[in-house]
Structures are given as C-alpha cells and as structure tokens.
Amino acid sequence: MRSVSGERSAGGLIIILFLICLAVDVFAADQAEQIIRITAKKFEYSPNEIRLKKGVPAVLEFTSLDRLHGFICPDLDIRTDINPGKVSTVRLVPQKAGTYDFHCDIFCGEGHEDMAGTIIVEE
C-alpha cells in the first residue's frame, strides 16, 4: 500500500523534471544556429540584406549560379570564395549590433562594383 504523501512527492518530482526539460528545450531553441542561404551571380547577391541577431550563432551558406565570386565583410572579419556547384559555409556569432557592408572581392566583369549588400545585426 502506498502512502498519499509519497505519491504527491513523486508527482511533484515528475512536474519539476518536466519543467526543467522544457526550460532546456527553450534555451536550446534560442541558441540554435540561424541558417541563411545566399546565392551569388553577376552582379548581385540574393538576398543582399541579411538580418542576424546579436549573440545568436549563424551559418551563411553561399552558392554561385554562374562563376567564381568572393564574399568579404571586413568589419565582421569574414571572407570566402563562392565556387559554382559547391556550397561555401561561414559560421559566425555576431557580438555587436550594427550595419556591416559586404561585397564581392573577385572581379566578375562590368557591374562588379555594384555586387554588394549589408548585414544588419540586431539586439
């Protein structure tokens, strides 16, 4: 025969464990990597405006639709080549809110100077 107080204790423990698991899941979801897919082609990036959250890990996945391009964002200290037919991946955790310019750093013809965009890091 079980006591009523023992059943209450076990039930209370189960509820506490459930709440702890729920809190861990919510924290993990907040910290999950944000994945942004970016395509490059003469003479543009799509999207050319990227929004990230300060402190949240992000993965930038680049693909080229036509030829070799580059991606550089000097203020965030990120750079990669973007080869056609391959995915180039850059991982970052933005630490400071602000607007950061990026551009292609591999000459791709007339209009190359317009191949640019911004990364906006929000609080």
PDB file of N, CA and C in Angstrom:
ATOM      1  N   MET A   1       0.823  -1.162   0.000  1.00  0.00           N
ATOM      2  CA  MET A   1       0.000   0.000   0.000  1.00  0.00           C
ATOM      3  C   MET A   1       0.883   1.247   0.000  1.00  0.00           C
ATOM      4  N   ARG A   2       0.627   2.203  -0.868  1.00  0.00           N
ATOM      5  CA  ARG A   2       1.438   3.418  -0.959  1.00  0.00           C
ATOM      6  C   ARG A   2       0.806   4.518  -0.130  1.00  0.00           C
ATOM      7  N   SER A   3       1.652   5.366   0.360  1.00  0.00           N
ATOM      8  CA  SER A   3       1.114   6.497   1.123  1.00  0.00           C
ATOM      9  C   SER A   3       0.767   7.637   0.186  1.00  0.00           C
ATOM     10  N   VAL A   4      -0.165   8.456   0.575  1.00  0.00           N
ATOM     11  CA  VAL A   4      -0.597   9.601  -0.228  1.00  0.00           C
ATOM     12  C   VAL A   4       0.533  10.610  -0.353  1.00  0.00           C
ATOM     13  N   SER A   5       1.292  10.824   0.712  1.00  0.00           N
ATOM     14  CA  SER A   5       2.387  11.802   0.646  1.00  0.00           C
ATOM     15  C   SER A   5       3.482  11.334  -0.303  1.00  0.00           C
ATOM     16  N   GLY A   6       3.731  10.025  -0.398  1.00  0.00           N
ATOM     17  CA  GLY A   6       4.725   9.500  -1.327  1.00  0.00           C
ATOM     18  C   GLY A   6       4.308   9.711  -2.770  1.00  0.00           C
ATOM     19  N   GLU A   7       3.013   9.544  -3.053  1.00  0.00           N
ATOM     20  CA  GLU A   7       2.511   9.779  -4.407  1.00  0.00           C
ATOM     21  C   GLU A   7       2.614  11.251  -4.779  1.00  0.00           C
ATOM     22  N   ARG A   8       2.353  12.123  -3.808  1.00  0.00           N
ATOM     23  CA  ARG A   8       2.475  13.567  -4.066  1.00  0.00           C
ATOM     24  C   ARG A   8       3.922  13.948  -4.344  1.00  0.00           C
ATOM     25  N   SER A   9       4.827  13.366  -3.600  1.00  0.00           N
ATOM     26  CA  SER A   9       6.249  13.674  -3.805  1.00  0.00           C
ATOM     27  C   SER A   9       6.711  13.228  -5.189  1.00  0.00           C
ATOM     28  N   ALA A  10       6.309  12.024  -5.589  1.00  0.00           N
ATOM     29  CA  ALA A  10       6.685  11.519  -6.909  1.00  0.00           C
ATOM     30  C   ALA A  10       6.063  12.369  -8.003  1.00  0.00           C
ATOM     31  N   GLY A  11       4.799  12.748  -7.826  1.00  0.00           N
ATOM     32  CA  GLY A  11       4.139  13.601  -8.814  1.00  0.00           C
ATOM     33  C   GLY A  11       4.808  14.963  -8.909  1.00  0.00           C
ATOM     34  N   GLY A  12       5.187  15.519  -7.772  1.00  0.00           N
ATOM     35  CA  GLY A  12       5.875  16.813  -7.754  1.00  0.00           C
ATOM     36  C   GLY A  12       7.227  16.730  -8.438  1.00  0.00           C
ATOM     37  N   LEU A  13       7.942  15.632  -8.220  1.00  0.00           N
ATOM     38  CA  LEU A  13       9.247  15.440  -8.847  1.00  0.00           C
ATOM     39  C   LEU A  13       9.108  15.341 -10.369  1.00  0.00           C
ATOM     40  N   ILE A  14       8.090  14.632 -10.814  1.00  0.00           N
ATOM     41  CA  ILE A  14       7.849  14.499 -12.258  1.00  0.00           C
ATOM     42  C   ILE A  14       7.555  15.868 -12.870  1.00  0.00           C
ATOM     43  N   ILE A  15       6.763  16.681 -12.207  1.00  0.00           N
ATOM     44  CA  ILE A  15       6.452  18.023 -12.714  1.00  0.00           C
ATOM     45  C   ILE A  15       7.709  18.880 -12.767  1.00  0.00           C
ATOM     46  N   ILE A  16       8.535  18.818 -11.730  1.00  0.00           N
ATOM     47  CA  ILE A  16       9.786  19.599 -11.708  1.00  0.00           C
ATOM     48  C   ILE A  16      10.701  19.166 -12.849  1.00  0.00           C
ATOM     49  N   LEU A  17      10.841  17.861 -13.038  1.00  0.00           N
ATOM     50  CA  LEU A  17      11.692  17.366 -14.133  1.00  0.00           C
ATOM     51  C   LEU A  17      11.149  17.808 -15.492  1.00  0.00           C
ATOM     52  N   PHE A  18       9.832  17.773 -15.654  1.00  0.00           N
ATOM     53  CA  PHE A  18       9.222  18.221 -16.894  1.00  0.00           C
ATOM     54  C   PHE A  18       9.532  19.696 -17.144  1.00  0.00           C
ATOM     55  N   LEU A  19       9.401  20.527 -16.124  1.00  0.00           N
ATOM     56  CA  LEU A  19       9.671  21.964 -16.272  1.00  0.00           C
ATOM     57  C   LEU A  19      11.142  22.233 -16.584  1.00  0.00           C
ATOM     58  N   ILE A  20      12.036  21.473 -16.001  1.00  0.00           N
ATOM     59  CA  ILE A  20      13.466  21.626 -16.297  1.00  0.00           C
ATOM     60  C   ILE A  20      13.734  21.263 -17.756  1.00  0.00           C
ATOM     61  N   CYS A  21      13.160  20.158 -18.224  1.00  0.00           N
ATOM     62  CA  CYS A  21      13.342  19.753 -19.630  1.00  0.00           C
ATOM     63  C   CYS A  21      12.779  20.805 -20.582  1.00  0.00           C
ATOM     64  N   LEU A  22      11.639  21.349 -20.241  1.00  0.00           N
ATOM     65  CA  LEU A  22      11.030  22.393 -21.063  1.00  0.00           C
ATOM     66  C   LEU A  22      11.931  23.623 -21.124  1.00  0.00           C
ATOM     67  N   ALA A  23      12.494  24.028 -20.001  1.00  0.00           N
ATOM     68  CA  ALA A  23      13.390  25.187 -19.963  1.00  0.00           C
ATOM     69  C   ALA A  23      14.637  24.933 -20.797  1.00  0.00           C
ATOM     70  N   VAL A  24      15.188  23.729 -20.737  1.00  0.00           N
ATOM     71  CA  VAL A  24      16.373  23.391 -21.539  1.00  0.00           C
ATOM     72  C   VAL A  24      16.041  23.450 -23.016  1.00  0.00           C
ATOM     73  N   ASP A  25      14.881  22.927 -23.422  1.00  0.00           N
ATOM     74  CA  ASP A  25      14.469  22.975 -24.827  1.00  0.00           C
ATOM     75  C   ASP A  25      14.310  24.403 -25.320  1.00  0.00           C
ATOM     76  N   VAL A  26      13.710  25.272 -24.507  1.00  0.00           N
ATOM     77  CA  VAL A  26      13.528  26.671 -24.896  1.00  0.00           C
ATOM     78  C   VAL A  26      14.882  27.348 -25.040  1.00  0.00           C
ATOM     79  N   PHE A  27      15.807  27.094 -24.108  1.00  0.00           N
ATOM     80  CA  PHE A  27      17.144  27.686 -24.198  1.00  0.00           C
ATOM     81  C   PHE A  27      17.866  27.194 -25.443  1.00  0.00           C
ATOM     82  N   ALA A  28      17.785  25.905 -25.728  1.00  0.00           N
ATOM     83  CA  ALA A  28      18.450  25.342 -26.910  1.00  0.00           C
ATOM     84  C   ALA A  28      17.869  25.929 -28.184  1.00  0.00           C
ATOM     85  N   ALA A  29      16.565  26.132 -28.243  1.00  0.00           N
ATOM     86  CA  ALA A  29      15.935  26.710 -29.433  1.00  0.00           C
ATOM     87  C   ALA A  29      16.412  28.140 -29.641  1.00  0.00           C
ATOM     88  N   ASP A  30      16.582  28.897 -28.545  1.00  0.00           N
ATOM     89  CA  ASP A  30      17.074  30.270 -28.656  1.00  0.00           C
ATOM     90  C   ASP A  30      18.498  30.303 -29.188  1.00  0.00           C
ATOM     91  N   GLN A  31      19.285  29.280 -28.889  1.00  0.00           N
ATOM     92  CA  GLN A  31      20.685  29.250 -29.273  1.00  0.00           C
ATOM     93  C   GLN A  31      20.935  28.494 -30.576  1.00  0.00           C
ATOM     94  N   ALA A  32      19.899  27.975 -31.208  1.00  0.00           N
ATOM     95  CA  ALA A  32      20.057  27.226 -32.454  1.00  0.00           C
ATOM     96  C   ALA A  32      20.637  28.136 -33.536  1.00  0.00           C
ATOM     97  N   GLU A  33      21.445  27.563 -34.384  1.00  0.00           N
ATOM     98  CA  GLU A  33      22.033  28.333 -35.478  1.00  0.00           C
ATOM     99  C   GLU A  33      20.958  28.817 -36.441  1.00  0.00           C
ATOM    100  N   GLN A  34      21.101  30.057 -36.818  1.00  0.00           N
ATOM    101  CA  GLN A  34      20.249  30.622 -37.863  1.00  0.00           C
ATOM    102  C   GLN A  34      20.958  30.347 -39.187  1.00  0.00           C
ATOM    103  N   ILE A  35      20.271  29.715 -40.133  1.00  0.00           N
ATOM    104  CA  ILE A  35      20.881  29.394 -41.425  1.00  0.00           C
ATOM    105  C   ILE A  35      20.339  30.354 -42.473  1.00  0.00           C
ATOM    106  N   ILE A  36      21.261  31.028 -43.158  1.00  0.00           N
ATOM    107  CA  ILE A  36      20.907  31.970 -44.218  1.00  0.00           C
ATOM    108  C   ILE A  36      21.533  31.448 -45.512  1.00  0.00           C
ATOM    109  N   ARG A  37      20.705  31.213 -46.516  1.00  0.00           N
ATOM    110  CA  ARG A  37      21.198  30.761 -47.822  1.00  0.00           C
ATOM    111  C   ARG A  37      21.305  31.969 -48.742  1.00  0.00           C
ATOM    112  N   ILE A  38      22.477  32.119 -49.362  1.00  0.00           N
ATOM    113  CA  ILE A  38      22.769  33.280 -50.199  1.00  0.00           C
ATOM    114  C   ILE A  38      23.262  32.791 -51.552  1.00  0.00           C
ATOM    115  N   THR A  39      22.672  33.300 -52.625  1.00  0.00           N
ATOM    116  CA  THR A  39      23.166  32.977 -53.959  1.00  0.00           C
ATOM    117  C   THR A  39      23.909  34.185 -54.518  1.00  0.00           C
ATOM    118  N   ALA A  40      24.913  33.880 -55.302  1.00  0.00           N
ATOM    119  CA  ALA A  40      25.706  34.913 -55.961  1.00  0.00           C
ATOM    120  C   ALA A  40      25.646  34.680 -57.457  1.00  0.00           C
ATOM    121  N   LYS A  41      25.500  35.774 -58.207  1.00  0.00           N
ATOM    122  CA  LYS A  41      25.583  35.722 -59.667  1.00  0.00           C
ATOM    123  C   LYS A  41      25.942  37.124 -60.134  1.00  0.00           C
ATOM    124  N   LYS A  42      26.428  37.211 -61.370  1.00  0.00           N
ATOM    125  CA  LYS A  42      26.752  38.531 -61.901  1.00  0.00           C
ATOM    126  C   LYS A  42      25.544  39.425 -61.745  1.00  0.00           C
ATOM    127  N   PHE A  43      25.525  40.415 -61.176  1.00  0.00           N
ATOM    128  CA  PHE A  43      26.389  41.169 -60.302  1.00  0.00           C
ATOM    129  C   PHE A  43      25.644  41.430 -59.018  1.00  0.00           C
ATOM    130  N   GLU A  44      25.170  40.359 -58.403  1.00  0.00           N
ATOM    131  CA  GLU A  44      24.318  40.525 -57.229  1.00  0.00           C
ATOM    132  C   GLU A  44      24.387  39.337 -56.280  1.00  0.00           C
ATOM    133  N   TYR A  45      24.048  39.635 -55.040  1.00  0.00           N
ATOM    134  CA  TYR A  45      23.793  38.618 -54.029  1.00  0.00           C
ATOM    135  C   TYR A  45      22.290  38.605 -53.773  1.00  0.00           C
ATOM    136  N   SER A  46      21.767  37.421 -53.485  1.00  0.00           N
ATOM    137  CA  SER A  46      20.359  37.342 -53.125  1.00  0.00           C
ATOM    138  C   SER A  46      20.234  36.438 -51.907  1.00  0.00           C
ATOM    139  N   PRO A  47      19.800  36.968 -50.773  1.00  0.00           N
ATOM    140  CA  PRO A  47      19.416  38.359 -50.531  1.00  0.00           C
ATOM    141  C   PRO A  47      20.654  39.241 -50.399  1.00  0.00           C
ATOM    142  N   ASN A  48      20.465  40.528 -50.592  1.00  0.00           N
ATOM    143  CA  ASN A  48      21.594  41.444 -50.412  1.00  0.00           C
ATOM    144  C   ASN A  48      21.491  42.188 -49.080  1.00  0.00           C
ATOM    145  N   GLU A  49      20.462  41.853 -48.305  1.00  0.00           N
ATOM    146  CA  GLU A  49      20.346  42.339 -46.930  1.00  0.00           C
ATOM    147  C   GLU A  49      20.105  41.135 -46.041  1.00  0.00           C
ATOM    148  N   ILE A  50      20.986  40.946 -45.078  1.00  0.00           N
ATOM    149  CA  ILE A  50      20.943  39.791 -44.188  1.00  0.00           C
ATOM    150  C   ILE A  50      20.745  40.305 -42.767  1.00  0.00           C
ATOM    151  N   ARG A  51      19.751  39.781 -42.078  1.00  0.00           N
ATOM    152  CA  ARG A  51      19.477  40.192 -40.696  1.00  0.00           C
ATOM    153  C   ARG A  51      19.841  39.058 -39.742  1.00  0.00           C
ATOM    154  N   LEU A  52      20.675  39.396 -38.779  1.00  0.00           N
ATOM    155  CA  LEU A  52      21.101  38.444 -37.763  1.00  0.00           C
ATOM    156  C   LEU A  52      20.806  39.027 -36.386  1.00  0.00           C
ATOM    157  N   LYS A  53      20.815  38.158 -35.377  1.00  0.00           N
ATOM    158  CA  LYS A  53      20.616  38.605 -34.007  1.00  0.00           C
ATOM    159  C   LYS A  53      21.935  38.517 -33.252  1.00  0.00           C
ATOM    160  N   LYS A  54      22.209  39.561 -32.498  1.00  0.00           N
ATOM    161  CA  LYS A  54      23.424  39.610 -31.687  1.00  0.00           C
ATOM    162  C   LYS A  54      23.474  38.398 -30.754  1.00  0.00           C
ATOM    163  N   GLY A  55      24.622  37.718 -30.742  1.00  0.00           N
ATOM    164  CA  GLY A  55      24.830  36.582 -29.859  1.00  0.00           C
ATOM    165  C   GLY A  55      24.245  35.268 -30.323  1.00  0.00           C
ATOM    166  N   VAL A  56      23.508  35.260 -31.425  1.00  0.00           N
ATOM    167  CA  VAL A  56      22.899  34.031 -31.923  1.00  0.00           C
ATOM    168  C   VAL A  56      23.772  33.466 -33.043  1.00  0.00           C
ATOM    169  N   PRO A  57      24.212  32.217 -32.918  1.00  0.00           N
ATOM    170  CA  PRO A  57      25.041  31.625 -33.961  1.00  0.00           C
ATOM    171  C   PRO A  57      24.324  31.631 -35.314  1.00  0.00           C
ATOM    172  N   ALA A  58      25.090  31.930 -36.361  1.00  0.00           N
ATOM    173  CA  ALA A  58      24.530  31.967 -37.714  1.00  0.00           C
ATOM    174  C   ALA A  58      25.444  31.199 -38.658  1.00  0.00           C
ATOM    175  N   VAL A  59      24.828  30.611 -39.666  1.00  0.00           N
ATOM    176  CA  VAL A  59      25.556  29.929 -40.731  1.00  0.00           C
ATOM    177  C   VAL A  59      25.140  30.590 -42.034  1.00  0.00           C
ATOM    178  N   LEU A  60      26.125  31.110 -42.761  1.00  0.00           N
ATOM    179  CA  LEU A  60      25.875  31.661 -44.090  1.00  0.00           C
ATOM    180  C   LEU A  60      26.274  30.584 -45.088  1.00  0.00           C
ATOM    181  N   GLU A  61      25.329  30.166 -45.925  1.00  0.00           N
ATOM    182  CA  GLU A  61      25.586  29.137 -46.944  1.00  0.00           C
ATOM    183  C   GLU A  61      25.517  29.800 -48.311  1.00  0.00           C
ATOM    184  N   PHE A  62      26.643  29.851 -48.999  1.00  0.00           N
ATOM    185  CA  PHE A  62      26.753  30.533 -50.281  1.00  0.00           C
ATOM    186  C   PHE A  62      26.791  29.535 -51.426  1.00  0.00           C
ATOM    187  N   THR A  63      26.095  29.873 -52.521  1.00  0.00           N
ATOM    188  CA  THR A  63      26.227  29.138 -53.771  1.00  0.00           C
ATOM    189  C   THR A  63      26.320  30.156 -54.910  1.00  0.00           C
ATOM    190  N   SER A  64      27.070  29.801 -55.931  1.00  0.00           N
ATOM    191  CA  SER A  64      27.193  30.655 -57.117  1.00  0.00           C
ATOM    192  C   SER A  64      26.375  30.042 -58.242  1.00  0.00           C
ATOM    193  N   LEU A  65      25.650  30.892 -58.942  1.00  0.00           N
ATOM    194  CA  LEU A  65      24.838  30.420 -60.056  1.00  0.00           C
ATOM    195  C   LEU A  65      25.565  30.490 -61.392  1.00  0.00           C
ATOM    196  N   ASP A  66      26.764  31.117 -61.414  1.00  0.00           N
ATOM    197  CA  ASP A  66      27.410  31.274 -62.723  1.00  0.00           C
ATOM    198  C   ASP A  66      28.926  31.107 -62.745  1.00  0.00           C
ATOM    199  N   ARG A  67      29.636  31.698 -61.827  1.00  0.00           N
ATOM    200  CA  ARG A  67      31.097  31.690 -61.889  1.00  0.00           C
ATOM    201  C   ARG A  67      31.656  31.881 -60.498  1.00  0.00           C
ATOM    202  N   LEU A  68      32.987  31.928 -60.386  1.00  0.00           N
ATOM    203  CA  LEU A  68      33.645  32.182 -59.113  1.00  0.00           C
ATOM    204  C   LEU A  68      33.362  33.607 -58.653  1.00  0.00           C
ATOM    205  N   HIS A  69      32.910  33.732 -57.412  1.00  0.00           N
ATOM    206  CA  HIS A  69      32.718  35.031 -56.770  1.00  0.00           C
ATOM    207  C   HIS A  69      33.410  34.978 -55.415  1.00  0.00           C
ATOM    208  N   GLY A  70      33.484  36.119 -54.783  1.00  0.00           N
ATOM    209  CA  GLY A  70      34.015  36.194 -53.432  1.00  0.00           C
ATOM    210  C   GLY A  70      32.998  36.870 -52.534  1.00  0.00           C
ATOM    211  N   PHE A  71      33.186  36.707 -51.245  1.00  0.00           N
ATOM    212  CA  PHE A  71      32.348  37.389 -50.258  1.00  0.00           C
ATOM    213  C   PHE A  71      33.271  37.863 -49.161  1.00  0.00           C
ATOM    214  N   ILE A  72      33.215  39.167 -48.883  1.00  0.00           N
ATOM    215  CA  ILE A  72      34.013  39.701 -47.797  1.00  0.00           C
ATOM    216  C   ILE A  72      33.196  40.734 -47.028  1.00  0.00           C
ATOM    217  N   CYS A  73      33.261  40.604 -45.722  1.00  0.00           N
ATOM    218  CA  CYS A  73      32.649  41.570 -44.809  1.00  0.00           C
ATOM    219  C   CYS A  73      33.742  41.910 -43.793  1.00  0.00           C
ATOM    220  N   PRO A  74      34.553  42.921 -44.116  1.00  0.00           N
ATOM    221  CA  PRO A  74      35.732  43.205 -43.296  1.00  0.00           C
ATOM    222  C   PRO A  74      35.422  43.491 -41.826  1.00  0.00           C
ATOM    223  N   ASP A  75      34.332  44.216 -41.550  1.00  0.00           N
ATOM    224  CA  ASP A  75      34.035  44.589 -40.165  1.00  0.00           C
ATOM    225  C   ASP A  75      33.611  43.411 -39.297  1.00  0.00           C
ATOM    226  N   LEU A  76      33.168  42.316 -39.915  1.00  0.00           N
ATOM    227  CA  LEU A  76      32.849  41.097 -39.175  1.00  0.00           C
ATOM    228  C   LEU A  76      33.949  40.051 -39.336  1.00  0.00           C
ATOM    229  N   ASP A  77      35.000  40.403 -40.067  1.00  0.00           N
ATOM    230  CA  ASP A  77      36.161  39.537 -40.273  1.00  0.00           C
ATOM    231  C   ASP A  77      35.767  38.184 -40.874  1.00  0.00           C
ATOM    232  N   ILE A  78      34.918  38.241 -41.932  1.00  0.00           N
ATOM    233  CA  ILE A  78      34.556  37.017 -42.633  1.00  0.00           C
ATOM    234  C   ILE A  78      34.833  37.169 -44.123  1.00  0.00           C
ATOM    235  N   ARG A  79      35.282  36.067 -44.720  1.00  0.00           N
ATOM    236  CA  ARG A  79      35.617  36.046 -46.140  1.00  0.00           C
ATOM    237  C   ARG A  79      35.575  34.617 -46.647  1.00  0.00           C
ATOM    238  N   THR A  80      35.058  34.439 -47.880  1.00  0.00           N
ATOM    239  CA  THR A  80      35.059  33.114 -48.501  1.00  0.00           C
ATOM    240  C   THR A  80      35.011  33.252 -50.015  1.00  0.00           C
ATOM    241  N   ASP A  81      35.511  32.229 -50.693  1.00  0.00           N
ATOM    242  CA  ASP A  81      35.294  32.081 -52.134  1.00  0.00           C
ATOM    243  C   ASP A  81      33.959  31.377 -52.318  1.00  0.00           C
ATOM    244  N   ILE A  82      33.250  31.723 -53.398  1.00  0.00           N
ATOM    245  CA  ILE A  82      31.976  31.075 -53.716  1.00  0.00           C
ATOM    246  C   ILE A  82      32.143  30.426 -55.086  1.00  0.00           C
ATOM    247  N   ASN A  83      32.324  29.112 -55.094  1.00  0.00           N
ATOM    248  CA  ASN A  83      32.547  28.359 -56.324  1.00  0.00           C
ATOM    249  C   ASN A  83      31.236  27.829 -56.877  1.00  0.00           C
ATOM    250  N   PRO A  84      31.064  27.873 -58.209  1.00  0.00           N
ATOM    251  CA  PRO A  84      29.848  27.311 -58.786  1.00  0.00           C
ATOM    252  C   PRO A  84      29.760  25.803 -58.501  1.00  0.00           C
ATOM    253  N   GLY A  85      28.546  25.359 -58.184  1.00  0.00           N
ATOM    254  CA  GLY A  85      28.332  23.937 -57.944  1.00  0.00           C
ATOM    255  C   GLY A  85      28.724  23.458 -56.562  1.00  0.00           C
ATOM    256  N   LYS A  86      29.200  24.352 -55.696  1.00  0.00           N
ATOM    257  CA  LYS A  86      29.596  23.973 -54.345  1.00  0.00           C
ATOM    258  C   LYS A  86      28.955  24.936 -53.351  1.00  0.00           C
ATOM    259  N   VAL A  87      28.792  24.469 -52.130  1.00  0.00           N
ATOM    260  CA  VAL A  87      28.291  25.330 -51.057  1.00  0.00           C
ATOM    261  C   VAL A  87      29.477  25.740 -50.196  1.00  0.00           C
ATOM    262  N   SER A  88      29.641  27.049 -50.030  1.00  0.00           N
ATOM    263  CA  SER A  88      30.663  27.586 -49.127  1.00  0.00           C
ATOM    264  C   SER A  88      29.952  28.001 -47.842  1.00  0.00           C
ATOM    265  N   THR A  89      30.484  27.569 -46.715  1.00  0.00           N
ATOM    266  CA  THR A  89      29.831  27.820 -45.431  1.00  0.00           C
ATOM    267  C   THR A  89      30.702  28.705 -44.548  1.00  0.00           C
ATOM    268  N   VAL A  90      30.073  29.704 -43.945  1.00  0.00           N
ATOM    269  CA  VAL A  90      30.738  30.578 -42.977  1.00  0.00           C
ATOM    270  C   VAL A  90      29.891  30.580 -41.714  1.00  0.00           C
ATOM    271  N   ARG A  91      30.523  30.256 -40.584  1.00  0.00           N
ATOM    272  CA  ARG A  91      29.839  30.299 -39.289  1.00  0.00           C
ATOM    273  C   ARG A  91      30.308  31.529 -38.527  1.00  0.00           C
ATOM    274  N   LEU A  92      29.350  32.188 -37.849  1.00  0.00           N
ATOM    275  CA  LEU A  92      29.712  33.340 -37.035  1.00  0.00           C
ATOM    276  C   LEU A  92      28.711  33.515 -35.913  1.00  0.00           C
ATOM    277  N   VAL A  93      29.144  34.223 -34.890  1.00  0.00           N
ATOM    278  CA  VAL A  93      28.275  34.636 -33.794  1.00  0.00           C
ATOM    279  C   VAL A  93      28.484  36.138 -33.653  1.00  0.00           C
ATOM    280  N   PRO A  94      27.578  36.943 -34.204  1.00  0.00           N
ATOM    281  CA  PRO A  94      27.770  38.394 -34.145  1.00  0.00           C
ATOM    282  C   PRO A  94      27.739  38.885 -32.699  1.00  0.00           C
ATOM    283  N   GLN A  95      28.733  39.679 -32.333  1.00  0.00           N
ATOM    284  CA  GLN A  95      28.856  40.138 -30.951  1.00  0.00           C
ATOM    285  C   GLN A  95      28.462  41.592 -30.750  1.00  0.00           C
ATOM    286  N   LYS A  96      28.250  42.315 -31.860  1.00  0.00           N
ATOM    287  CA  LYS A  96      27.949  43.738 -31.743  1.00  0.00           C
ATOM    288  C   LYS A  96      26.860  44.114 -32.740  1.00  0.00           C
ATOM    289  N   ALA A  97      25.822  44.791 -32.235  1.00  0.00           N
ATOM    290  CA  ALA A  97      24.744  45.246 -33.117  1.00  0.00           C
ATOM    291  C   ALA A  97      25.294  46.335 -34.051  1.00  0.00           C
ATOM    292  N   GLY A  98      24.744  46.370 -35.262  1.00  0.00           N
ATOM    293  CA  GLY A  98      25.161  47.391 -36.224  1.00  0.00           C
ATOM    294  C   GLY A  98      24.879  46.948 -37.640  1.00  0.00           C
ATOM    295  N   THR A  99      25.288  47.802 -38.579  1.00  0.00           N
ATOM    296  CA  THR A  99      25.134  47.525 -40.006  1.00  0.00           C
ATOM    297  C   THR A  99      26.526  47.379 -40.606  1.00  0.00           C
ATOM    298  N   TYR A 100      26.734  46.276 -41.314  1.00  0.00           N
ATOM    299  CA  TYR A 100      28.048  45.932 -41.848  1.00  0.00           C
ATOM    300  C   TYR A 100      27.942  45.687 -43.353  1.00  0.00           C
ATOM    301  N   ASP A 101      28.784  46.348 -44.111  1.00  0.00           N
ATOM    302  CA  ASP A 101      28.783  46.206 -45.563  1.00  0.00           C
ATOM    303  C   ASP A 101      29.582  44.982 -45.991  1.00  0.00           C
ATOM    304  N   PHE A 102      29.109  44.321 -47.052  1.00  0.00           N
ATOM    305  CA  PHE A 102      29.873  43.244 -47.666  1.00  0.00           C
ATOM    306  C   PHE A 102      29.887  43.462 -49.178  1.00  0.00           C
ATOM    307  N   HIS A 103      30.840  42.811 -49.846  1.00  0.00           N
ATOM    308  CA  HIS A 103      30.930  42.923 -51.300  1.00  0.00           C
ATOM    309  C   HIS A 103      31.711  41.745 -51.877  1.00  0.00           C
ATOM    310  N   CYS A 104      31.646  41.636 -53.196  1.00  0.00           N
ATOM    311  CA  CYS A 104      32.412  40.624 -53.914  1.00  0.00           C
ATOM    312  C   CYS A 104      33.842  41.136 -54.061  1.00  0.00           C
ATOM    313  N   ASP A 105      34.814  40.298 -53.749  1.00  0.00           N
ATOM    314  CA  ASP A 105      36.208  40.723 -53.867  1.00  0.00           C
ATOM    315  C   ASP A 105      36.969  39.950 -54.954  1.00  0.00           C
ATOM    316  N   ILE A 106      36.210  39.312 -55.860  1.00  0.00           N
ATOM    317  CA  ILE A 106      36.812  38.667 -57.027  1.00  0.00           C
ATOM    318  C   ILE A 106      36.158  39.290 -58.255  1.00  0.00           C
ATOM    319  N   PHE A 107      36.934  39.972 -59.049  1.00  0.00           N
ATOM    320  CA  PHE A 107      36.391  40.702 -60.202  1.00  0.00           C
ATOM    321  C   PHE A 107      35.583  39.761 -61.090  1.00  0.00           C
ATOM    322  N   CYS A 108      34.350  40.176 -61.404  1.00  0.00           N
ATOM    323  CA  CYS A 108      33.454  39.325 -62.199  1.00  0.00           C
ATOM    324  C   CYS A 108      32.913  40.058 -63.429  1.00  0.00           C
ATOM    325  N   GLY A 109      33.507  41.174 -63.816  1.00  0.00           N
ATOM    326  CA  GLY A 109      33.109  41.864 -65.029  1.00  0.00           C
ATOM    327  C   GLY A 109      32.498  43.230 -64.751  1.00  0.00           C
ATOM    328  N   GLU A 110      32.006  43.851 -65.827  1.00  0.00           N
ATOM    329  CA  GLU A 110      31.336  45.149 -65.699  1.00  0.00           C
ATOM    330  C   GLU A 110      30.157  45.010 -64.757  1.00  0.00           C
ATOM    331  N   GLY A 111      30.048  45.881 -63.786  1.00  0.00           N
ATOM    332  CA  GLY A 111      28.997  45.789 -62.785  1.00  0.00           C
ATOM    333  C   GLY A 111      29.477  45.171 -61.483  1.00  0.00           C
ATOM    334  N   HIS A 112      30.713  44.669 -61.470  1.00  0.00           N
ATOM    335  CA  HIS A 112      31.290  44.044 -60.270  1.00  0.00           C
ATOM    336  C   HIS A 112      31.206  44.978 -59.064  1.00  0.00           C
ATOM    337  N   GLU A 113      31.449  46.271 -59.288  1.00  0.00           N
ATOM    338  CA  GLU A 113      31.469  47.231 -58.178  1.00  0.00           C
ATOM    339  C   GLU A 113      30.096  47.376 -57.506  1.00  0.00           C
ATOM    340  N   ASP A 114      29.032  46.925 -58.168  1.00  0.00           N
ATOM    341  CA  ASP A 114      27.693  47.006 -57.583  1.00  0.00           C
ATOM    342  C   ASP A 114      27.296  45.736 -56.820  1.00  0.00           C
ATOM    343  N   MET A 115      28.157  44.735 -56.829  1.00  0.00           N
ATOM    344  CA  MET A 115      27.855  43.464 -56.168  1.00  0.00           C
ATOM    345  C   MET A 115      28.168  43.608 -54.685  1.00  0.00           C
ATOM    346  N   ALA A 116      27.160  44.039 -53.937  1.00  0.00           N
ATOM    347  CA  ALA A 116      27.368  44.368 -52.530  1.00  0.00           C
ATOM    348  C   ALA A 116      26.061  44.214 -51.761  1.00  0.00           C
ATOM    349  N   GLY A 117      26.159  44.336 -50.459  1.00  0.00           N
ATOM    350  CA  GLY A 117      24.985  44.265 -49.604  1.00  0.00           C
ATOM    351  C   GLY A 117      25.344  44.627 -48.178  1.00  0.00           C
ATOM    352  N   THR A 118      24.413  44.346 -47.265  1.00  0.00           N
ATOM    353  CA  THR A 118      24.637  44.655 -45.853  1.00  0.00           C
ATOM    354  C   THR A 118      24.174  43.522 -44.963  1.00  0.00           C
ATOM    355  N   ILE A 119      24.876  43.380 -43.859  1.00  0.00           N
ATOM    356  CA  ILE A 119      24.456  42.505 -42.778  1.00  0.00           C
ATOM    357  C   ILE A 119      24.029  43.415 -41.644  1.00  0.00           C
ATOM    358  N   ILE A 120      22.809  43.225 -41.178  1.00  0.00           N
ATOM    359  CA  ILE A 120      22.278  44.027 -40.076  1.00  0.00           C
ATOM    360  C   ILE A 120      22.185  43.107 -38.858  1.00  0.00           C
ATOM    361  N   VAL A 121      22.931  43.457 -37.818  1.00  0.00           N
ATOM    362  CA  VAL A 121      22.903  42.705 -36.576  1.00  0.00           C
ATOM    363  C   VAL A 121      22.032  43.462 -35.588  1.00  0.00           C
ATOM    364  N   GLU A 122      20.957  42.811 -35.154  1.00  0.00           N
ATOM    365  CA  GLU A 122      20.001  43.431 -34.244  1.00  0.00           C
ATOM    366  C   GLU A 122      20.185  42.910 -32.829  1.00  0.00           C
ATOM    367  N   GLU A 123      19.803  43.728 -31.867  1.00  0.00           N
ATOM    368  CA  GLU A 123      19.870  43.333 -30.456  1.00  0.00           C
ATOM    369  C   GLU A 123      19.012  42.119 -30.198  1.00  0.00           C
TER     370      GLU A 123
END
